[in-house]
C-alpha atoms as a PDB file:
ATOM      1  CA  ARG A   1       0.000   0.000   0.000  1.00  0.00           C
ATOM      2  CA  ASP A   2       3.014   2.296   0.342  1.00  0.00           C
ATOM      3  CA  THR A   3       3.371   2.331  -3.444  1.00  0.00           C
ATOM      4  CA  VAL A   4       1.493   5.116  -5.247  1.00  0.00           C
ATOM      5  CA  GLY A   5      -1.653   3.558  -6.697  1.00  0.00           C
ATOM      6  CA  GLY A   6      -1.466   0.499  -4.439  1.00  0.00           C
ATOM      7  CA  TRP A   7      -4.227  -0.866  -2.233  1.00  0.00           C
ATOM      8  CA  LEU A   8      -5.098  -3.830  -0.034  1.00  0.00           C
ATOM      9  CA  GLY A   9      -8.156  -6.031  -0.587  1.00  0.00           C
ATOM     10  CA  TRP A  10     -10.819  -5.292  -3.172  1.00  0.00           C
ATOM     11  CA  ARG A  11     -11.258  -1.956  -4.933  1.00  0.00           C
ATOM     12  CA  GLU A  12     -14.325  -0.885  -6.881  1.00  0.00           C
ATOM     13  CA  PHE A  13     -13.902  -0.108 -10.586  1.00  0.00           C
ATOM     14  CA  VAL A  14     -16.370   1.060 -13.207  1.00  0.00           C
ATOM     15  CA  VAL A  15     -16.365   0.342 -16.929  1.00  0.00           C
ATOM     16  CA  ASP A  16     -15.097   3.530 -18.572  1.00  0.00           C
ATOM     17  CA  ARG A  17     -15.654   2.178 -22.076  1.00  0.00           C
ATOM     18  CA  LYS A  18     -16.212  -1.038 -24.004  1.00  0.00           C
ATOM     19  CA  VAL A  19     -14.481  -1.704 -27.332  1.00  0.00           C
ATOM     20  CA  VAL A  20     -15.528  -4.545 -29.637  1.00  0.00           C
ATOM     21  CA  GLU A  21     -12.199  -5.761 -31.026  1.00  0.00           C
ATOM     22  CA  SER A  22     -13.725  -8.483 -33.259  1.00  0.00           C
ATOM     23  CA  SER A  23     -16.830 -10.661 -33.444  1.00  0.00           C
ATOM     24  CA  GLU A  24     -15.457 -12.698 -30.517  1.00  0.00           C
ATOM     25  CA  ILE A  25     -13.268 -10.307 -28.506  1.00  0.00           C
ATOM     26  CA  VAL A  26     -14.209  -7.343 -26.292  1.00  0.00           C
ATOM     27  CA  SER A  27     -11.949  -5.005 -24.312  1.00  0.00           C
ATOM     28  CA  LEU A  28     -13.178  -3.276 -21.167  1.00  0.00           C
ATOM     29  CA  TYR A  29     -11.422  -0.160 -19.917  1.00  0.00           C
ATOM     30  CA  LEU A  30     -11.735  -0.033 -16.135  1.00  0.00           C
ATOM     31  CA  LYS A  31     -11.407   3.088 -13.998  1.00  0.00           C
ATOM     32  CA  PRO A  32     -11.256   3.159 -10.183  1.00  0.00           C
ATOM     33  CA  LYS A  33     -14.568   4.338  -8.741  1.00  0.00           C
ATOM     34  CA  ASP A  34     -12.637   6.425  -6.203  1.00  0.00           C
ATOM     35  CA  GLU A  35     -10.726   8.089  -9.099  1.00  0.00           C
ATOM     36  CA  GLY A  36      -7.456   7.310  -7.298  1.00  0.00           C
ATOM     37  CA  ALA A  37      -4.128   6.438  -8.889  1.00  0.00           C
ATOM     38  CA  LEU A  38      -3.343   3.066 -10.455  1.00  0.00           C
ATOM     39  CA  LEU A  39      -0.130   1.095 -10.290  1.00  0.00           C
ATOM     40  CA  ASP A  40       2.093   0.796 -13.322  1.00  0.00           C
ATOM     41  CA  TYR A  41       2.741  -2.886 -13.993  1.00  0.00           C
ATOM     42  CA  PRO A  42       5.229  -5.188 -15.714  1.00  0.00           C
ATOM     43  CA  ALA A  43       4.343  -7.197 -18.817  1.00  0.00           C
ATOM     44  CA  GLY A  44       2.320 -10.304 -18.035  1.00  0.00           C
ATOM     45  CA  SER A  45       0.566  -8.816 -14.997  1.00  0.00           C
ATOM     46  CA  TYR A  46      -2.985  -9.759 -14.163  1.00  0.00           C
ATOM     47  CA  SER A  47      -5.713  -8.669 -11.802  1.00  0.00           C
ATOM     48  CA  ALA A  48      -8.427 -10.620 -10.042  1.00  0.00           C
ATOM     49  CA  ILE A  49     -11.829  -9.290 -11.098  1.00  0.00           C
ATOM     50  CA  ARG A  50     -14.757  -9.955  -8.778  1.00  0.00           C
ATOM     51  CA  VAL A  51     -18.320  -9.322  -9.904  1.00  0.00           C
ATOM     52  CA  GLU A  52     -21.382  -9.612  -7.705  1.00  0.00           C
ATOM     53  CA  PHE A  53     -24.863 -10.012  -9.177  1.00  0.00           C
ATOM     54  CA  ASP A  54     -28.010 -10.770  -7.176  1.00  0.00           C
ATOM     55  CA  GLY A  55     -25.892 -11.480  -4.105  1.00  0.00           C
ATOM     56  CA  ILE A  56     -23.733 -14.068  -5.873  1.00  0.00           C
ATOM     57  CA  ALA A  57     -20.046 -13.229  -6.326  1.00  0.00           C
ATOM     58  CA  THR A  58     -17.749 -14.724  -8.923  1.00  0.00           C
ATOM     59  CA  GLN A  59     -14.048 -14.101  -9.457  1.00  0.00           C
ATOM     60  CA  ARG A  60     -11.774 -14.521 -12.457  1.00  0.00           C
ATOM     61  CA  ASN A  61      -8.220 -13.415 -13.259  1.00  0.00           C
ATOM     62  CA  TYR A  62      -7.623 -11.283 -16.348  1.00  0.00           C
ATOM     63  CA  THR A  63      -4.349 -10.227 -17.923  1.00  0.00           C
ATOM     64  CA  LEU A  64      -3.965  -6.465 -18.127  1.00  0.00           C
ATOM     65  CA  SER A  65      -3.934  -6.077 -21.899  1.00  0.00           C
ATOM     66  CA  LYS A  66      -2.806  -2.482 -22.154  1.00  0.00           C
ATOM     67  CA  PRO A  67       0.944  -1.948 -22.736  1.00  0.00           C
ATOM     68  CA  ALA A  68       2.990  -2.228 -19.559  1.00  0.00           C
ATOM     69  CA  GLY A  69       3.724   0.988 -17.700  1.00  0.00           C
ATOM     70  CA  HIS A  70       0.607   2.811 -18.875  1.00  0.00           C
ATOM     71  CA  GLY A  71      -1.536   2.493 -15.733  1.00  0.00           C
ATOM     72  CA  HIS A  72      -0.870   6.163 -14.994  1.00  0.00           C
ATOM     73  CA  ASP A  73      -3.558   7.399 -17.416  1.00  0.00           C
ATOM     74  CA  GLY A  74      -6.274   6.297 -15.018  1.00  0.00           C
ATOM     75  CA  VAL A  75      -7.574   3.138 -16.729  1.00  0.00           C
ATOM     76  CA  TRP A  76      -6.670  -0.530 -17.018  1.00  0.00           C
ATOM     77  CA  ARG A  77      -7.770  -2.642 -19.985  1.00  0.00           C
ATOM     78  CA  ILE A  78      -8.818  -6.280 -19.861  1.00  0.00           C
ATOM     79  CA  THR A  79      -9.686  -8.232 -22.994  1.00  0.00           C
ATOM     80  CA  GLY A  80     -11.716 -11.415 -23.327  1.00  0.00           C
ATOM     81  CA  THR A  81     -14.265 -13.411 -25.243  1.00  0.00           C
END
């Protein structure tokens, strides 16, 4: 947590934008709900994404698909099918 943009536990994010990359692939650009800083990250980094719907939570890990070191612009990108 001492690192700028770091945090402990879960942090709420909102979808800033959705980009349809192809007929099977979508990228979501995620922005912290608290508008705080984000960590820069090395290539190959991932984040655990937890979604709760109707009281049921599910978690999945996604690779951060934006070029490494670009977390400073306030959004992270995850890409999936």
